[in-house]
Each structure stands twice: as structure tokens, then as C-alpha cells.
Amino acid sequence: MDFFLAFVVGGAICVVGQLLMDLTSYKFTPAHVLVTFVSAGAVISALGLYQPLVDLAGAGATVPLTGFGHLLAQGAINGVAQKGILGAFSGGVTAAAAGITAAVVFGYLAALTFKARG
């Protein structure tokens, strides 16, 4: 049942992004969707509404871009609790450091391993 809920919730988040690109009169690009989803995830997380979705769907809620916004918001909230107002700036980056590092390292390894098509 956990896999099913992760699939349904993650798929629903992706469907919303696709509908934004396909059906809006203002043409959303993938970059618009990225910024909208990360921002929405942070706002929904700050309101305390995203964690119950994470508890329900697990990776279905944390893997999409809204999950990254949730991670940044929770990191900023924890940073403020530990370091005061300056923690708002460092907390999000600290919380996301492992994921960002993995993306950079594996991107670099892929660039070394494969030849780009021109």
C-alpha cells in the first residue's frame, strides 16, 4: 500500500505540473513549474500542511520538486530555532547539502563518463 500511495501522490503532483504547462493561457515552461513547485512546497510546509502528506506518501511527496521546497523550509525553520535569524539563511542549505552534493558529484561523473552529442 505504501508504494501505491507514493505512486498516486507523486503522480498527482506531476499531473498538476503538466496541466499547468498544457492548459494555462500563460504558457508555463518547465522553469516556471520548477520555481512554482519549490515555492509552493516551501509555503505549504511553513503552514504545517506538507508534513502530513510526507507521512502519508513518503517518497511520493519528498521526491518531486515540492518536496525540495519542503526540505528547504524545514531546514530554515530548524536553523532559526538553533541559530536565531541568521539560521534562516543557512538552515535550508544545510538541510539540502547531501542532496545537492550528490547531484553535483553524479553530474560530474556522468559528464566524465559519457560524450555529449552536438
Protein backbone atom coordinates (compact mmCIF):
# COMPACT_ATOMS: atom_id res chain seq x y z
CA MET A 1 0.00 0.00 0.00
CA ASP A 2 2.96 2.34 0.67
CA PHE A 3 4.14 2.02 -2.93
CA PHE A 4 0.65 2.67 -4.24
CA LEU A 5 0.24 5.85 -2.16
CA ALA A 6 3.69 7.09 -3.20
CA PHE A 7 2.82 6.47 -6.85
CA VAL A 8 -0.58 8.19 -6.64
CA VAL A 9 0.62 11.25 -4.70
CA GLY A 10 3.82 11.70 -6.73
CA GLY A 11 1.87 11.17 -9.94
CA ALA A 12 -0.77 13.69 -8.90
CA ILE A 13 1.89 16.32 -8.22
CA CYS A 14 3.39 15.68 -11.67
CA VAL A 15 -0.04 15.83 -13.31
CA VAL A 16 -0.58 19.30 -11.82
CA GLY A 17 2.70 20.46 -13.37
CA GLN A 18 1.78 19.01 -16.75
CA LEU A 19 -1.66 20.62 -16.63
CA LEU A 20 -0.07 23.98 -15.81
CA MET A 21 2.07 23.69 -18.95
CA ASP A 22 -0.72 22.40 -21.21
CA LEU A 23 -3.88 24.22 -20.18
CA THR A 24 -2.97 27.69 -18.98
CA SER A 25 -3.27 30.70 -21.26
CA TYR A 26 0.09 31.88 -19.92
CA LYS A 27 2.48 29.24 -21.21
CA PHE A 28 4.27 27.73 -18.24
CA THR A 29 7.70 26.45 -19.14
CA PRO A 30 9.46 23.73 -17.14
CA ALA A 31 11.42 26.51 -15.42
CA HIS A 32 8.17 28.18 -14.33
CA VAL A 33 6.91 24.88 -12.96
CA LEU A 34 10.19 24.34 -11.09
CA VAL A 35 10.02 27.71 -9.35
CA THR A 36 6.28 27.40 -8.67
CA PHE A 37 6.57 23.92 -7.16
CA VAL A 38 9.60 24.66 -4.97
CA SER A 39 7.95 27.86 -3.72
CA ALA A 40 4.60 26.13 -3.17
CA GLY A 41 6.30 23.30 -1.28
CA ALA A 42 8.04 25.80 1.00
CA VAL A 43 4.85 27.76 1.68
CA ILE A 44 2.73 24.67 2.27
CA SER A 45 5.44 23.31 4.56
CA ALA A 46 5.65 26.56 6.53
CA LEU A 47 1.89 26.35 7.07
CA GLY A 48 2.37 22.84 8.50
CA LEU A 49 0.35 21.15 5.75
CA TYR A 50 3.08 19.30 3.86
CA GLN A 51 4.41 17.03 6.62
CA PRO A 52 1.14 15.05 6.86
CA LEU A 53 1.42 14.42 3.10
CA VAL A 54 5.02 13.22 3.57
CA ASP A 55 3.87 10.94 6.39
CA LEU A 56 1.16 9.51 4.13
CA ALA A 57 3.03 9.16 0.83
CA GLY A 58 6.72 9.04 1.75
CA ALA A 59 8.86 9.35 -1.38
CA GLY A 60 5.78 10.27 -3.42
CA ALA A 61 5.81 13.61 -1.60
CA THR A 62 9.53 14.11 -0.98
CA VAL A 63 10.97 13.30 -4.42
CA PRO A 64 9.02 15.85 -6.53
CA LEU A 65 10.07 19.50 -6.52
CA THR A 66 7.54 20.37 -3.84
CA GLY A 67 9.50 18.05 -1.54
CA PHE A 68 12.64 20.12 -2.14
CA GLY A 69 10.73 23.25 -1.11
CA HIS A 70 9.54 21.40 1.99
CA LEU A 71 13.12 20.40 2.81
CA LEU A 72 14.36 23.99 2.43
CA ALA A 73 11.55 25.39 4.58
CA GLN A 74 12.05 22.84 7.34
CA GLY A 75 15.79 23.47 7.28
CA ALA A 76 15.23 27.22 7.59
CA ILE A 77 12.76 26.73 10.45
CA ASN A 78 15.21 24.45 12.29
CA GLY A 79 18.06 26.88 11.58
CA VAL A 80 16.14 29.74 13.17
CA ALA A 81 15.39 27.58 16.20
CA GLN A 82 19.09 26.76 16.63
CA LYS A 83 20.94 29.89 15.49
CA GLY A 84 18.41 32.70 15.51
CA ILE A 85 17.54 34.79 12.48
CA LEU A 86 20.82 34.00 10.69
CA GLY A 87 19.79 30.35 10.74
CA ALA A 88 17.06 31.21 8.24
CA PHE A 89 19.76 31.71 5.63
CA SER A 90 21.97 28.74 6.45
CA GLY A 91 19.38 26.20 7.60
CA GLY A 92 17.89 25.42 4.20
CA VAL A 93 21.27 24.91 2.58
CA THR A 94 22.46 22.76 5.48
CA ALA A 95 19.35 20.56 5.24
CA ALA A 96 19.74 20.10 1.49
CA ALA A 97 23.54 19.74 1.45
CA ALA A 98 23.62 15.96 0.97
CA GLY A 99 21.21 16.05 -1.98
CA ILE A 100 22.95 18.98 -3.63
CA THR A 101 26.35 17.32 -3.20
CA ALA A 102 25.07 14.06 -4.67
CA ALA A 103 23.64 15.90 -7.68
CA VAL A 104 26.93 17.70 -8.33
CA VAL A 105 29.09 14.58 -7.89
CA PHE A 106 26.95 12.29 -10.02
CA GLY A 107 26.50 15.00 -12.65
CA TYR A 108 30.27 15.38 -12.82
CA LEU A 109 30.79 11.61 -13.08
CA ALA A 110 28.19 11.41 -15.85
CA ALA A 111 29.95 14.22 -17.71
CA LEU A 112 33.25 12.35 -17.48
CA THR A 113 31.69 9.03 -18.49
CA PHE A 114 29.51 10.00 -21.44
CA LYS A 115 30.16 12.05 -24.54
CA ALA A 116 27.76 14.89 -25.28
CA ARG A 117 26.02 14.91 -28.63
CA GLY A 118 26.39 18.04 -30.65
